[in-house]
Protein backbone atom coordinates (compact mmCIF):
# COMPACT_ATOMS: atom_id res chain seq x y z
CA MET A 1 67.85 40.65 160.25
CA TYR A 2 65.43 37.81 161.00
CA THR A 3 61.69 37.35 161.29
CA ALA A 4 59.94 34.50 163.06
CA GLY A 5 56.75 32.74 162.02
CA ILE A 6 54.51 30.77 164.38
CA ASP A 7 52.01 28.26 163.01
CA ILE A 8 49.35 27.08 165.48
CA GLY A 9 47.91 23.97 163.90
CA THR A 10 45.32 21.53 165.13
CA THR A 11 47.83 18.74 165.74
CA SER A 12 51.19 20.54 165.90
CA ILE A 13 52.72 23.94 166.58
CA CYS A 14 55.82 25.21 164.82
CA VAL A 15 58.19 28.18 164.91
CA VAL A 16 60.41 29.11 161.96
CA VAL A 17 63.17 31.71 162.16
CA THR A 18 64.21 33.01 158.74
CA ASN A 19 66.70 35.47 157.31
CA ILE A 20 64.86 38.32 155.60
CA GLN A 21 67.64 38.85 153.05
CA ASP A 22 67.28 35.52 151.27
CA GLY A 23 64.60 33.52 153.07
CA SER A 24 67.12 31.02 154.38
CA ILE A 25 65.90 29.04 157.37
CA ILE A 26 67.87 29.69 160.53
CA ARG A 27 65.91 27.43 162.86
CA ILE A 28 62.78 25.27 162.97
CA ALA A 29 61.26 24.14 166.26
CA SER A 30 58.04 22.17 166.55
CA ARG A 31 55.98 20.25 169.07
CA ALA A 32 52.80 18.21 169.05
CA ASN A 33 49.75 20.22 170.02
CA ASP A 34 48.77 18.25 173.11
CA SER A 35 46.15 20.77 174.26
CA GLU A 36 43.10 18.69 173.33
CA ILE A 37 40.47 18.50 176.04
CA PRO A 38 38.80 15.07 176.42
CA ALA A 39 35.28 15.24 175.00
CA THR A 40 32.26 14.59 177.16
CA GLU A 41 29.99 14.60 174.10
CA PHE A 42 30.71 12.95 170.74
CA TRP A 43 30.43 16.29 168.91
CA GLU A 44 32.87 18.24 171.10
CA ARG A 45 36.29 19.21 169.75
CA THR A 46 38.02 21.66 172.09
CA GLN A 47 41.55 22.60 173.07
CA ASN A 48 43.12 24.46 175.99
CA GLY A 49 44.14 27.91 174.80
CA ASP A 50 46.51 28.55 177.69
CA ARG A 51 48.27 25.25 177.06
CA ILE A 52 48.81 26.39 173.46
CA VAL A 53 50.36 29.62 174.78
CA GLU A 54 52.69 27.51 176.95
CA LEU A 55 53.74 25.44 173.94
CA VAL A 56 54.42 28.57 171.89
CA ASN A 57 56.56 30.07 174.65
CA ALA A 58 58.48 26.80 174.98
CA LEU A 59 59.22 26.80 171.25
CA LEU A 60 60.36 30.43 171.34
CA ALA A 61 62.71 29.47 174.19
CA GLU A 62 64.22 26.82 171.91
CA CYS A 63 65.08 29.59 169.43
CA GLN A 64 66.91 31.81 171.94
CA GLU A 65 70.33 31.30 170.35
CA ASP A 66 69.05 33.11 167.25
CA TRP A 67 66.55 35.40 168.96
CA THR A 68 68.72 38.51 169.20
CA ASN A 69 68.44 39.14 165.46
CA VAL A 70 64.67 38.58 165.29
CA ASP A 71 62.84 41.85 164.74
CA ALA A 72 59.25 40.75 164.12
CA ILE A 73 56.95 37.79 164.72
CA GLY A 74 54.17 36.65 162.39
CA ILE A 75 51.45 34.20 163.40
CA ALA A 76 49.37 31.75 161.38
CA CYS A 77 46.60 29.78 163.03
CA GLN A 78 43.98 27.12 162.48
CA MET A 79 40.93 28.85 161.08
CA HIS A 80 37.23 29.04 162.01
CA GLY A 81 37.61 28.19 165.72
CA VAL A 82 37.13 30.70 168.56
CA LEU A 83 37.53 31.11 172.30
CA TYR A 84 36.12 33.67 174.75
CA VAL A 85 38.21 36.12 176.81
CA ASP A 86 37.39 38.41 179.74
CA LYS A 87 38.14 42.12 180.07
CA GLU A 88 41.70 41.34 181.22
CA GLY A 89 42.31 39.25 178.10
CA GLN A 90 42.24 35.92 179.95
CA ALA A 91 40.61 32.90 178.35
CA VAL A 92 37.34 31.96 180.04
CA SER A 93 36.51 29.12 177.67
CA PRO A 94 38.32 26.42 175.75
CA LEU A 95 39.15 26.91 172.08
CA PHE A 96 36.20 25.55 170.11
CA THR A 97 38.10 24.26 167.08
CA TRP A 98 37.04 24.06 163.45
CA GLN A 99 36.19 20.39 164.04
CA ASP A 100 33.69 21.14 166.80
CA GLY A 101 30.28 19.76 165.85
CA ARG A 102 27.80 21.56 168.07
CA GLY A 103 26.60 23.51 165.03
CA ASP A 104 25.26 20.22 163.61
CA LEU A 105 23.01 19.68 166.61
CA HIS A 106 19.34 20.39 166.03
CA TYR A 107 17.78 23.70 166.95
CA ALA A 108 14.17 24.00 168.16
CA SER A 109 13.05 24.49 164.55
CA GLY A 110 14.28 21.02 163.65
CA GLN A 111 17.10 22.40 161.54
CA THR A 112 20.70 22.38 162.71
CA TYR A 113 22.12 25.46 164.38
CA ALA A 114 24.32 26.06 161.32
CA ALA A 115 21.40 25.79 158.90
CA THR A 116 19.25 28.03 161.11
CA LEU A 117 21.91 30.74 161.19
CA ASN A 118 22.34 30.42 157.44
CA ASP A 119 18.62 30.94 156.88
CA ARG A 120 18.40 33.86 159.31
CA THR A 121 21.35 35.77 157.89
CA GLY A 122 21.80 34.61 154.29
CA TYR A 123 25.49 33.98 154.96
CA PRO A 124 26.87 30.51 154.12
CA VAL A 125 28.15 29.12 157.42
CA ASN A 126 29.09 25.64 158.54
CA THR A 127 29.50 23.89 161.85
CA GLY A 128 32.87 24.75 163.34
CA PHE A 129 32.64 28.38 162.22
CA GLY A 130 33.17 30.59 165.25
CA LEU A 131 29.90 32.49 164.94
CA VAL A 132 27.94 29.26 164.51
CA THR A 133 29.47 28.21 167.82
CA HIS A 134 28.62 31.64 169.26
CA PHE A 135 25.03 31.25 168.01
CA TYR A 136 24.76 27.88 169.74
CA MET A 137 26.30 29.24 172.96
CA THR A 138 23.89 32.20 172.88
CA GLN A 139 20.80 30.05 172.34
CA GLN A 140 21.88 27.57 175.00
CA ASP A 141 22.79 30.36 177.44
CA GLU A 142 26.28 28.85 177.75
CA ILE A 143 28.44 31.92 177.12
CA PRO A 144 30.98 31.82 179.97
CA MET A 145 30.67 34.16 182.91
CA GLY A 146 32.92 37.16 182.47
CA ALA A 147 33.32 36.75 178.69
CA VAL A 148 33.48 40.06 176.80
CA LYS A 149 35.11 39.15 173.47
CA LEU A 150 35.68 36.17 171.24
CA CYS A 151 38.79 35.63 169.10
CA THR A 152 40.82 33.04 167.25
CA ILE A 153 43.66 31.16 168.90
CA GLY A 154 46.14 33.21 166.85
CA ASP A 155 44.66 36.42 168.20
CA TYR A 156 44.89 35.03 171.71
CA VAL A 157 48.56 34.07 171.34
CA ALA A 158 49.33 37.53 169.89
CA MET A 159 47.67 39.15 172.92
CA LYS A 160 49.68 37.02 175.31
CA LEU A 161 52.99 37.71 173.57
CA CYS A 162 52.38 41.46 173.86
CA GLY A 163 50.59 41.59 177.20
CA GLU A 164 47.49 43.11 175.59
CA ALA A 165 43.99 42.76 177.05
CA ALA A 166 41.85 43.08 173.91
CA PRO A 167 42.09 40.98 170.73
CA PHE A 168 42.52 42.30 167.20
CA MET A 169 41.49 40.15 164.23
CA ASP A 170 42.80 40.15 160.67
CA ARG A 171 40.26 39.87 157.87
CA THR A 172 41.61 36.46 156.88
CA ASN A 173 40.47 35.10 160.23
CA ALA A 174 37.39 37.31 160.46
CA ALA A 175 36.01 35.82 157.23
CA SER A 176 36.65 32.32 158.55
CA ILE A 177 34.37 32.63 161.59
CA GLY A 178 31.35 33.73 159.56
CA LEU A 179 28.98 36.68 158.95
CA TYR A 180 31.79 38.71 157.45
CA SER A 181 31.03 40.76 154.34
CA LEU A 182 33.78 40.50 151.73
CA GLU A 183 32.30 43.50 149.93
CA THR A 184 32.44 45.88 152.92
CA GLY A 185 35.33 44.30 154.82
CA ARG A 186 33.27 44.25 158.01
CA PHE A 187 31.21 41.89 160.11
CA ASP A 188 27.51 42.21 159.36
CA ASN A 189 26.50 43.38 162.83
CA GLU A 190 22.92 44.01 161.75
CA LYS A 191 22.40 40.42 160.59
CA LEU A 192 24.26 39.11 163.63
CA SER A 193 22.05 41.06 166.02
CA ALA A 194 18.91 40.07 164.12
CA ALA A 195 19.90 36.44 164.64
CA GLY A 196 19.85 37.04 168.40
CA MET A 197 23.58 37.40 169.05
CA ASP A 198 25.40 40.18 170.86
CA ALA A 199 27.70 41.92 168.36
CA SER A 200 29.78 43.42 171.17
CA PHE A 201 31.56 40.08 171.48
CA LEU A 202 33.22 40.63 168.11
CA PRO A 203 36.84 41.83 168.31
CA GLU A 204 38.12 44.96 166.64
CA LEU A 205 39.29 44.34 163.08
CA ALA A 206 42.95 45.08 162.41
CA THR A 207 42.27 47.09 159.26
CA ASP A 208 44.63 49.90 160.18
CA ARG A 209 46.60 48.19 162.90
CA GLN A 210 48.49 45.14 161.73
CA LEU A 211 51.06 45.53 164.50
CA ILE A 212 49.52 44.28 167.74
CA GLY A 213 52.38 45.39 169.99
CA GLU A 214 55.78 44.24 171.18
CA THR A 215 57.05 41.42 173.32
CA ALA A 216 58.81 42.15 176.60
CA ASP A 217 62.13 41.94 174.74
CA GLY A 218 61.05 44.35 171.99
CA LYS A 219 60.01 42.05 169.12
CA LYS A 220 57.16 43.40 167.00
CA VAL A 221 54.11 41.10 166.90
CA VAL A 222 51.99 41.13 163.75
CA CYS A 223 48.27 40.34 163.79
CA ALA A 224 47.60 36.63 163.19
CA ILE A 225 46.45 35.48 159.75
CA GLY A 226 44.66 32.33 158.63
CA ASP A 227 46.82 29.26 158.09
CA ASN A 228 45.39 28.74 154.59
CA GLN A 229 46.56 32.18 153.46
CA ALA A 230 49.88 31.76 155.27
CA SER A 231 50.47 28.36 153.65
CA PHE A 232 49.80 29.80 150.21
CA LEU A 233 52.23 32.66 150.85
CA GLY A 234 54.84 30.29 152.24
CA ALA A 235 54.61 27.72 149.44
CA VAL A 236 54.17 29.43 146.07
CA PRO A 237 56.84 31.29 144.07
CA THR A 238 54.18 33.65 142.63
CA PHE A 239 50.54 34.22 143.50
CA GLU A 240 49.11 33.43 140.07
CA SER A 241 49.33 30.23 137.96
CA ASN A 242 49.74 27.99 141.02
CA LEU A 243 47.25 25.53 142.49
CA LEU A 244 48.04 24.86 146.14
CA VAL A 245 47.02 21.34 147.15
CA ASN A 246 47.08 20.87 150.91
CA VAL A 247 46.50 17.51 152.57
CA GLY A 248 46.79 17.67 156.33
CA THR A 249 44.14 16.79 158.90
CA GLY A 250 41.60 18.01 156.34
CA SER A 251 42.40 18.97 152.76
CA GLN A 252 41.85 21.82 150.36
CA VAL A 253 42.79 23.35 147.03
CA SER A 254 43.45 27.08 146.69
CA VAL A 255 44.02 29.48 143.80
CA TYR A 256 44.64 33.23 143.82
CA SER A 257 42.35 35.83 142.30
CA PRO A 258 43.33 39.52 142.30
CA SER A 259 39.66 40.52 142.21
CA PHE A 260 36.58 39.45 144.11
CA MET A 261 34.58 36.60 142.59
CA GLN A 262 32.33 33.84 143.80
CA SER A 263 31.72 30.36 142.51
CA PRO A 264 29.31 27.61 143.61
CA MET A 265 30.70 25.08 146.10
CA LEU A 266 33.77 27.24 146.77
CA GLU A 267 34.78 29.64 149.52
CA THR A 268 36.07 33.07 148.59
CA ARG A 269 38.58 34.01 151.27
CA PRO A 270 40.31 37.39 151.66
CA PHE A 271 44.04 37.29 151.04
CA ILE A 272 46.71 39.34 152.73
CA ASP A 273 47.39 41.64 149.74
CA GLY A 274 43.81 42.78 149.20
CA GLY A 275 43.16 39.97 146.71
CA TYR A 276 41.38 36.69 147.35
CA LEU A 277 41.84 32.94 147.49
CA LEU A 278 39.25 30.67 145.95
CA VAL A 279 39.21 27.58 148.13
CA GLY A 280 37.67 24.17 147.80
CA ALA A 281 37.79 22.59 151.26
CA SER A 282 37.17 18.99 152.23
CA LEU A 283 36.78 17.47 155.68
CA SER A 284 38.51 14.41 154.25
CA GLY A 285 42.30 14.21 154.29
CA GLY A 286 44.74 12.82 156.76
CA LYS A 287 41.84 12.05 159.10
CA SER A 288 40.33 9.78 156.44
CA TYR A 289 43.65 8.02 155.88
CA GLU A 290 43.77 7.61 159.66
CA VAL A 291 40.47 5.70 159.46
CA LEU A 292 42.20 3.12 157.27
CA GLU A 293 45.24 3.04 159.55
CA GLN A 294 43.01 2.32 162.52
CA PHE A 295 41.30 -0.45 160.54
CA PHE A 296 44.63 -2.11 159.80
CA ARG A 297 45.66 -1.66 163.43
CA SER A 298 42.51 -3.40 164.60
CA VAL A 299 43.17 -6.25 162.17
CA LEU A 300 46.69 -6.65 163.51
CA GLY A 301 45.41 -6.64 167.06
CA ALA A 302 42.69 -9.15 166.31
CA PHE A 303 44.64 -11.67 164.25
CA ALA A 304 48.34 -11.39 164.94
CA GLU A 305 50.95 -10.28 167.40
CA ALA A 306 52.81 -8.10 164.97
CA GLU A 307 54.75 -4.89 164.95
CA GLU A 308 52.14 -2.13 164.98
CA ASN A 309 54.50 0.79 164.53
CA ARG A 310 55.11 2.49 161.21
CA LEU A 311 51.81 1.39 159.73
CA TYR A 312 51.58 4.51 157.58
CA GLU A 313 54.90 3.63 155.92
CA ALA A 314 53.57 0.17 155.11
CA MET A 315 50.32 1.65 153.79
CA ASN A 316 52.18 4.07 151.52
CA ARG A 317 54.26 1.20 150.15
CA LEU A 318 51.14 -0.89 149.52
CA ALA A 319 49.54 1.96 147.61
CA GLU A 320 52.60 2.31 145.38
CA GLU A 321 52.55 -1.42 144.66
CA ALA A 322 48.83 -1.31 143.89
CA MET A 323 49.44 1.17 141.10
CA THR A 324 51.43 -1.45 139.20
CA GLU A 325 48.66 -4.06 139.31
CA ALA A 326 46.37 -4.49 136.31
CA VAL A 327 43.11 -4.95 138.19
CA PRO A 328 40.01 -2.74 138.30
CA PRO A 329 40.51 -0.19 141.08
CA LEU A 330 38.28 0.14 144.08
CA ARG A 331 36.28 3.35 144.27
CA VAL A 332 36.35 4.80 147.77
CA GLY A 333 34.39 7.80 148.97
CA THR A 334 36.21 9.23 151.96
CA GLN A 335 33.44 11.42 153.40
CA PHE A 336 33.76 9.70 156.78
CA TYR A 337 33.26 13.05 158.50
CA GLY A 338 30.62 14.29 156.07
CA THR A 339 31.15 17.42 153.99
CA ARG A 340 30.70 21.06 154.87
CA GLU A 341 27.53 21.22 152.76
CA HIS A 342 26.23 17.77 153.81
CA PRO A 343 27.51 16.84 157.30
CA GLU A 344 25.36 13.72 157.24
CA ALA A 345 27.22 12.29 154.22
CA THR A 346 29.05 9.00 154.71
CA GLY A 347 31.90 7.16 153.05
CA PHE A 348 31.60 4.16 150.76
CA ILE A 349 33.57 1.48 148.91
CA GLN A 350 32.43 0.39 145.45
CA GLY A 351 33.64 -1.99 142.78
CA ILE A 352 34.74 -4.81 145.09
CA ARG A 353 35.87 -7.90 143.20
CA ALA A 354 37.71 -11.02 144.19
CA ASP A 355 40.93 -9.75 142.60
CA ASN A 356 40.96 -6.23 144.07
CA PHE A 357 39.69 -6.69 147.62
CA ASN A 358 43.08 -6.56 149.29
CA ALA A 359 45.16 -4.20 151.39
CA LYS A 360 47.00 -2.75 148.38
CA GLN A 361 43.94 -1.75 146.38
CA LEU A 362 42.06 -0.59 149.46
CA THR A 363 44.89 1.75 150.40
CA ALA A 364 45.19 3.12 146.87
CA GLY A 365 41.41 3.56 146.78
CA PHE A 366 41.51 5.70 149.91
CA LEU A 367 44.18 7.97 148.38
CA HIS A 368 42.18 8.31 145.17
CA GLY A 369 39.07 9.14 147.20
CA ILE A 370 40.80 11.89 149.19
CA LEU A 371 42.08 13.53 146.01
CA ASP A 372 38.87 13.01 144.01
CA GLU A 373 37.08 15.43 146.35
CA LEU A 374 39.74 18.05 145.66
CA VAL A 375 39.61 17.46 141.91
CA GLY A 376 35.87 18.06 142.12
CA CYS A 377 36.57 21.36 143.88
CA THR A 378 39.09 22.35 141.20
CA GLN A 379 36.45 21.85 138.53
CA GLN A 380 34.44 24.62 140.20
CA PHE A 381 37.20 27.20 139.73
CA PRO A 382 36.60 29.76 136.95
CA THR A 383 37.88 28.55 133.58
CA HIS A 384 40.09 31.59 133.03
CA ILE A 385 42.00 30.75 136.24
CA VAL A 386 42.22 27.00 135.64
CA ASP A 387 43.52 27.49 132.10
CA LYS A 388 46.50 29.47 133.43
CA LEU A 389 47.56 26.91 136.03
CA ALA A 390 51.15 25.81 135.43
CA ARG A 391 51.91 23.70 138.48
CA LEU A 392 50.62 22.02 141.59
CA VAL A 393 52.28 23.17 144.78
CA ALA A 394 52.08 20.53 147.50
CA SER A 395 51.53 21.44 151.13
CA GLY A 396 50.87 19.42 154.26
CA ASN A 397 52.53 16.26 155.51
CA GLY A 398 49.72 14.09 154.22
CA LEU A 399 50.97 14.81 150.70
CA ARG A 400 54.63 15.57 151.35
CA LYS A 401 55.30 12.20 152.98
CA ASN A 402 53.32 9.99 150.61
CA ALA A 403 54.93 9.29 147.24
CA ALA A 404 51.93 7.30 146.04
CA MET A 405 49.59 10.22 146.70
CA GLN A 406 51.98 12.55 144.90
CA HIS A 407 51.95 10.32 141.83
CA ILE A 408 48.16 10.05 141.89
CA ALA A 409 47.87 13.85 142.20
CA GLN A 410 49.99 14.41 139.10
CA LEU A 411 47.87 11.94 137.14
CA LYS A 412 44.60 13.53 138.22
CA TRP A 413 45.53 17.16 137.57
CA GLN A 414 47.96 16.56 134.70
CA LEU A 415 50.32 19.18 136.11
CA PRO A 416 53.86 18.95 137.51
CA LEU A 417 53.93 18.73 141.30
CA THR A 418 56.41 20.84 143.24
CA PHE A 419 57.13 21.52 146.89
CA GLY A 420 57.96 24.82 148.52
CA LYS A 421 61.42 25.38 149.92
CA VAL A 422 60.23 24.94 153.52
CA GLU A 423 58.15 22.06 154.85
CA GLU A 424 56.49 24.30 157.42
CA GLU A 425 54.75 26.47 154.82
CA ALA A 426 52.33 28.26 157.14
CA ALA A 427 55.03 29.28 159.63
CA PHE A 428 57.29 30.41 156.78
CA GLY A 429 54.39 32.35 155.25
CA ALA A 430 53.77 34.06 158.59
CA ALA A 431 57.45 35.08 158.69
CA ILE A 432 57.22 36.52 155.15
CA HIS A 433 54.03 38.37 156.12
CA ALA A 434 55.79 39.87 159.15
CA ALA A 435 58.63 41.10 156.93
CA VAL A 436 56.16 42.93 154.65
CA VAL A 437 54.01 44.39 157.44
CA THR A 438 57.07 45.77 159.25
CA GLY A 439 58.27 47.49 156.07
CA TYR A 440 61.26 45.39 155.01
CA PHE A 441 59.65 44.95 151.60
CA ARG A 442 57.43 47.28 149.62
CA ASN A 443 54.98 44.51 148.74
CA TYR A 444 54.52 40.74 148.69
CA GLU A 445 55.87 40.36 145.17
CA GLU A 446 59.20 41.80 146.26
CA ALA A 447 59.17 39.63 149.38
CA LEU A 448 58.59 36.45 147.35
CA GLN A 449 61.40 37.35 144.93
CA ARG A 450 63.79 37.61 147.85
CA MET A 451 62.58 35.07 150.36
CA GLN A 452 61.26 32.40 147.99
CA ARG A 453 64.08 32.67 145.45
CA SER A 454 65.58 29.28 146.34
CA ASP A 455 64.18 26.86 143.81
CA SER A 456 61.37 24.59 144.91
CA HIS A 457 61.86 20.95 144.04
CA GLU A 458 59.65 18.69 141.98
CA ALA A 459 58.11 15.50 143.29
């Protein structure tokens, strides 16, 4: 018997079909997420939700040879972003992604919309959070005509797969859009209404209904979960003693806590087993490395007619070579997109000397800068959790495909670095989640023992 996992990422979408008995991968299908809508304002970051549904359906069609044995479908999705749907369940807005910056625009008070909502409700929220976007849309009177609910893109895809008209939202995604109480497990409707928003737009929480419905061909569809939680589930051999380091478009570090706790500068996110993930998230990651790639590309275009393909491979090689040079390193701050707490923050380069201002040291400096933010997040984790960490588990192509970054990570954390058995961790985690929700395993511990039992490999 198989389960399938769908991961709806910002830049790519993937489907994994796995055998429940041993977690072996039957098929992987992926495509670039080409649903981005051209921005008319510099702060806009939106995608076409219906195009994403088309891409998902196309990927499922690629899996048809193995589809007969699939019993259930799990979904992981990019977090924080939302779209609006009408009473028939049709999208009436684009997907406002986690990168959307309208929450950083200034409200009448002079503060940003995000800061204003924070002050009015007491909940820590950042631009890109779905209810910050909803607050902006409410204040600007821009909520689309016919909209009755908002939901994540994972909720929308689940609806479409089942032919449902109303979205259901898992707590992992509910917490990511803001104004969600971890203590009560509910949205704070009172604070939301006091801030001037209509709470009726919130979807029903899937507290007692993890199964959304069935596809036309009888496959059970499980409520979508956040891609951070899915990646953790799909990468680690056990919940405790593992630090998940993810470098993708953004980057983050995550550790598991069986009980609720909070720590400054960290997010406490609900996990799928009733526990929590403590997460340090950075807006820097692959997007910051892309800044350097674009710089090198512009240099090539300005000064030479040279092969411009495979620049990342050349950059990775330069960084590895830089690590063998006995020169003072450059210090690079990679906050080119700000930080969640300080969106106005900027990047920097320090320590420039005649012997280190070159492509090698600049590339290595960027990699150090990306990881330094995550090391700073790790230092905020409770001591009793940090002291038990036994390994780093790498996730995301930004880290998987960069040997120099892997080496730097091991030096910074002083822990062995391993990879999960499947590159598409979030999709695999969604498939494991579906196997537990549909009753094939009694709990997640049993599921990991069976489906993650193939040894992960060290970097």
